[in-house]
Amino acid sequence: MDIRLHEVLKFPSDIDNDEGFAALLKYFGSVEYIEHAFGLEFSCGDGKFFGDFWQWSENKDALKAVVSCEEMKKYDGVASLATPARFYKTKELLKPDIYYSFVVRYYPKSEEAAYLLNGKQMNREWVPVD
């Protein structure tokens, strides 16, 4: 097992000056992949979450927007650390003013990466050999 990444984030924080978030973004390449790996959703600004802009239809076969196109465009592609991230499934916010440890462990035998948040495995998946 190799530790590929270990970064610490604290909310609230200034995303433009947060070295931990910059390192996560450099490693994963996108906010969406960070969210996928750790089962989180980052705020898109003003305390809003992009996931709240969508709602399942009554028969749960399609998503529909619940905000205007203008509002969606305003927040699309934006991430903010001013509001704590939240768990994707439960929508529970991370606690403010606490340091969160983001760790990526790589297992060469199985070619898998495990993503840990404060020591708890949030996701594990096969990744290509680098």
C-alpha atoms as a PDB file:
ATOM      1  CA  MET A   1       0.000   0.000   0.000  1.00  0.00           C
ATOM      2  CA  ASP A   2       1.249   3.458  -0.916  1.00  0.00           C
ATOM      3  CA  ILE A   3      -0.037   6.804   0.302  1.00  0.00           C
ATOM      4  CA  ARG A   4      -0.462   8.807  -2.901  1.00  0.00           C
ATOM      5  CA  LEU A   5      -1.969  11.921  -1.380  1.00  0.00           C
ATOM      6  CA  HIS A   6      -2.592  13.359   2.067  1.00  0.00           C
ATOM      7  CA  GLU A   7      -4.083  16.820   2.308  1.00  0.00           C
ATOM      8  CA  VAL A   8      -5.953  18.686   5.013  1.00  0.00           C
ATOM      9  CA  LEU A   9      -8.898  21.053   4.534  1.00  0.00           C
ATOM     10  CA  LYS A  10     -10.805  23.199   6.989  1.00  0.00           C
ATOM     11  CA  PHE A  11     -14.117  24.931   6.351  1.00  0.00           C
ATOM     12  CA  PRO A  12     -14.669  27.810   5.907  1.00  0.00           C
ATOM     13  CA  SER A  13     -11.658  28.652   3.810  1.00  0.00           C
ATOM     14  CA  ASP A  14     -10.713  30.840   0.862  1.00  0.00           C
ATOM     15  CA  ILE A  15     -10.596  28.493  -2.115  1.00  0.00           C
ATOM     16  CA  ASP A  16      -8.161  30.724  -4.000  1.00  0.00           C
ATOM     17  CA  ASN A  17      -5.562  30.506  -1.213  1.00  0.00           C
ATOM     18  CA  ASP A  18      -6.132  26.982   0.100  1.00  0.00           C
ATOM     19  CA  GLU A  19      -3.071  24.864  -0.688  1.00  0.00           C
ATOM     20  CA  GLY A  20      -4.785  21.631   0.369  1.00  0.00           C
ATOM     21  CA  PHE A  21      -7.666  22.128  -2.050  1.00  0.00           C
ATOM     22  CA  ALA A  22      -5.233  23.131  -4.809  1.00  0.00           C
ATOM     23  CA  ALA A  23      -3.320  19.874  -4.255  1.00  0.00           C
ATOM     24  CA  LEU A  24      -6.541  17.830  -4.361  1.00  0.00           C
ATOM     25  CA  LEU A  25      -7.581  19.557  -7.570  1.00  0.00           C
ATOM     26  CA  LYS A  26      -4.175  18.957  -9.148  1.00  0.00           C
ATOM     27  CA  TYR A  27      -4.240  15.260  -8.205  1.00  0.00           C
ATOM     28  CA  PHE A  28      -7.837  14.539  -9.272  1.00  0.00           C
ATOM     29  CA  GLY A  29      -8.144  17.012 -12.138  1.00  0.00           C
ATOM     30  CA  SER A  30     -11.672  18.188 -11.336  1.00  0.00           C
ATOM     31  CA  VAL A  31     -13.937  19.086  -8.444  1.00  0.00           C
ATOM     32  CA  GLU A  32     -16.410  16.438  -9.643  1.00  0.00           C
ATOM     33  CA  TYR A  33     -13.828  13.666  -9.290  1.00  0.00           C
ATOM     34  CA  ILE A  34     -12.872  14.842  -5.777  1.00  0.00           C
ATOM     35  CA  GLU A  35     -16.575  14.742  -4.911  1.00  0.00           C
ATOM     36  CA  HIS A  36     -16.953  11.251  -6.391  1.00  0.00           C
ATOM     37  CA  ALA A  37     -13.902   9.874  -4.613  1.00  0.00           C
ATOM     38  CA  PHE A  38     -14.868  11.104  -1.152  1.00  0.00           C
ATOM     39  CA  GLY A  39     -18.679  11.005  -1.450  1.00  0.00           C
ATOM     40  CA  LEU A  40     -18.931  14.752  -0.957  1.00  0.00           C
ATOM     41  CA  GLU A  41     -20.490  17.735  -2.637  1.00  0.00           C
ATOM     42  CA  PHE A  42     -18.800  21.129  -2.476  1.00  0.00           C
ATOM     43  CA  SER A  43     -20.858  24.289  -2.359  1.00  0.00           C
ATOM     44  CA  CYS A  44     -21.051  26.214  -5.611  1.00  0.00           C
ATOM     45  CA  GLY A  45     -21.205  29.543  -3.774  1.00  0.00           C
ATOM     46  CA  ASP A  46     -23.561  31.506  -1.561  1.00  0.00           C
ATOM     47  CA  GLY A  47     -24.180  28.373   0.523  1.00  0.00           C
ATOM     48  CA  LYS A  48     -25.856  26.650  -2.418  1.00  0.00           C
ATOM     49  CA  PHE A  49     -25.194  23.169  -3.771  1.00  0.00           C
ATOM     50  CA  PHE A  50     -25.521  22.304  -7.442  1.00  0.00           C
ATOM     51  CA  GLY A  51     -27.248  19.025  -6.553  1.00  0.00           C
ATOM     52  CA  ASP A  52     -30.169  21.033  -5.152  1.00  0.00           C
ATOM     53  CA  PHE A  53     -30.755  22.594  -8.560  1.00  0.00           C
ATOM     54  CA  TRP A  54     -32.188  19.305  -9.832  1.00  0.00           C
ATOM     55  CA  GLN A  55     -35.189  17.236  -8.798  1.00  0.00           C
ATOM     56  CA  TRP A  56     -36.401  13.796  -9.877  1.00  0.00           C
ATOM     57  CA  SER A  57     -39.673  13.665 -11.772  1.00  0.00           C
ATOM     58  CA  GLU A  58     -42.681  12.062 -10.083  1.00  0.00           C
ATOM     59  CA  ASN A  59     -41.989   8.628 -11.583  1.00  0.00           C
ATOM     60  CA  LYS A  60     -38.240   9.020 -10.905  1.00  0.00           C
ATOM     61  CA  ASP A  61     -37.229   8.449 -14.520  1.00  0.00           C
ATOM     62  CA  ALA A  62     -35.813  11.915 -15.274  1.00  0.00           C
ATOM     63  CA  LEU A  63     -34.202  14.897 -13.618  1.00  0.00           C
ATOM     64  CA  LYS A  64     -35.588  18.384 -14.079  1.00  0.00           C
ATOM     65  CA  ALA A  65     -34.062  21.724 -13.208  1.00  0.00           C
ATOM     66  CA  VAL A  66     -35.705  23.607 -10.355  1.00  0.00           C
ATOM     67  CA  VAL A  67     -33.826  26.873 -10.925  1.00  0.00           C
ATOM     68  CA  SER A  68     -33.558  29.213 -13.890  1.00  0.00           C
ATOM     69  CA  CYS A  69     -30.955  28.775 -16.610  1.00  0.00           C
ATOM     70  CA  GLU A  70     -29.384  32.059 -15.516  1.00  0.00           C
ATOM     71  CA  GLU A  71     -28.897  30.838 -11.955  1.00  0.00           C
ATOM     72  CA  MET A  72     -27.544  27.508 -13.165  1.00  0.00           C
ATOM     73  CA  LYS A  73     -25.033  29.257 -15.431  1.00  0.00           C
ATOM     74  CA  LYS A  74     -23.962  31.517 -12.546  1.00  0.00           C
ATOM     75  CA  TYR A  75     -22.927  28.559 -10.399  1.00  0.00           C
ATOM     76  CA  ASP A  76     -21.917  25.950 -12.995  1.00  0.00           C
ATOM     77  CA  GLY A  77     -18.261  25.044 -12.636  1.00  0.00           C
ATOM     78  CA  VAL A  78     -17.884  27.016  -9.401  1.00  0.00           C
ATOM     79  CA  ALA A  79     -16.669  25.563  -6.115  1.00  0.00           C
ATOM     80  CA  SER A  80     -16.516  27.299  -2.764  1.00  0.00           C
ATOM     81  CA  LEU A  81     -14.985  26.432   0.583  1.00  0.00           C
ATOM     82  CA  ALA A  82     -16.810  29.280   2.355  1.00  0.00           C
ATOM     83  CA  THR A  83     -19.573  26.776   3.175  1.00  0.00           C
ATOM     84  CA  PRO A  84     -18.548  23.330   4.435  1.00  0.00           C
ATOM     85  CA  ALA A  85     -18.891  20.514   1.935  1.00  0.00           C
ATOM     86  CA  ARG A  86     -21.643  17.992   2.572  1.00  0.00           C
ATOM     87  CA  PHE A  87     -21.999  14.249   2.242  1.00  0.00           C
ATOM     88  CA  TYR A  88     -23.603  13.466  -1.091  1.00  0.00           C
ATOM     89  CA  LYS A  89     -26.027  10.802   0.126  1.00  0.00           C
ATOM     90  CA  THR A  90     -27.221  12.326   3.402  1.00  0.00           C
ATOM     91  CA  LYS A  91     -26.689  16.021   2.573  1.00  0.00           C
ATOM     92  CA  GLU A  92     -25.212  16.419   6.075  1.00  0.00           C
ATOM     93  CA  LEU A  93     -22.721  19.294   6.193  1.00  0.00           C
ATOM     94  CA  LEU A  94     -19.188  18.720   7.417  1.00  0.00           C
ATOM     95  CA  LYS A  95     -18.591  20.536  10.673  1.00  0.00           C
ATOM     96  CA  PRO A  96     -16.991  23.985  10.417  1.00  0.00           C
ATOM     97  CA  ASP A  97     -13.640  24.813  12.017  1.00  0.00           C
ATOM     98  CA  ILE A  98     -12.496  21.171  12.043  1.00  0.00           C
ATOM     99  CA  TYR A  99      -9.555  19.883  10.026  1.00  0.00           C
ATOM    100  CA  TYR A 100     -10.452  17.119   7.580  1.00  0.00           C
ATOM    101  CA  SER A 101      -7.822  14.705   6.349  1.00  0.00           C
ATOM    102  CA  PHE A 102      -8.133  13.582   2.712  1.00  0.00           C
ATOM    103  CA  VAL A 103      -6.016  10.511   1.955  1.00  0.00           C
ATOM    104  CA  VAL A 104      -5.582   8.429  -1.185  1.00  0.00           C
ATOM    105  CA  ARG A 105      -4.127   4.966  -0.614  1.00  0.00           C
ATOM    106  CA  TYR A 106      -3.030   2.898  -3.575  1.00  0.00           C
ATOM    107  CA  TYR A 107      -2.894  -0.911  -3.464  1.00  0.00           C
ATOM    108  CA  PRO A 108      -0.540  -2.126  -6.226  1.00  0.00           C
ATOM    109  CA  LYS A 109      -1.606  -5.808  -6.093  1.00  0.00           C
ATOM    110  CA  SER A 110      -5.262  -5.065  -6.800  1.00  0.00           C
ATOM    111  CA  GLU A 111      -4.584  -1.792  -8.657  1.00  0.00           C
ATOM    112  CA  GLU A 112      -7.164  -0.070  -6.470  1.00  0.00           C
ATOM    113  CA  ALA A 113      -7.272   3.280  -4.746  1.00  0.00           C
ATOM    114  CA  ALA A 114      -9.038   3.865  -1.446  1.00  0.00           C
ATOM    115  CA  TYR A 115     -10.231   7.340  -0.560  1.00  0.00           C
ATOM    116  CA  LEU A 116     -10.299   8.116   3.147  1.00  0.00           C
ATOM    117  CA  LEU A 117     -11.841  11.082   4.928  1.00  0.00           C
ATOM    118  CA  ASN A 118     -10.531  11.409   8.492  1.00  0.00           C
ATOM    119  CA  GLY A 119      -9.473   7.764   8.347  1.00  0.00           C
ATOM    120  CA  LYS A 120     -12.835   6.415   7.157  1.00  0.00           C
ATOM    121  CA  GLN A 121     -12.891   4.779   3.749  1.00  0.00           C
ATOM    122  CA  MET A 122     -15.427   6.616   1.616  1.00  0.00           C
ATOM    123  CA  ASN A 123     -14.833   4.845  -1.697  1.00  0.00           C
ATOM    124  CA  ARG A 124     -12.550   2.276  -3.294  1.00  0.00           C
ATOM    125  CA  GLU A 125     -12.118   1.666  -6.991  1.00  0.00           C
ATOM    126  CA  TRP A 126      -9.881   0.160  -9.617  1.00  0.00           C
ATOM    127  CA  VAL A 127      -7.527   2.710 -11.124  1.00  0.00           C
ATOM    128  CA  PRO A 128      -5.204   2.316 -14.087  1.00  0.00           C
ATOM    129  CA  VAL A 129      -1.553   1.681 -13.322  1.00  0.00           C
ATOM    130  CA  ASP A 130       0.385   4.910 -13.486  1.00  0.00           C
END
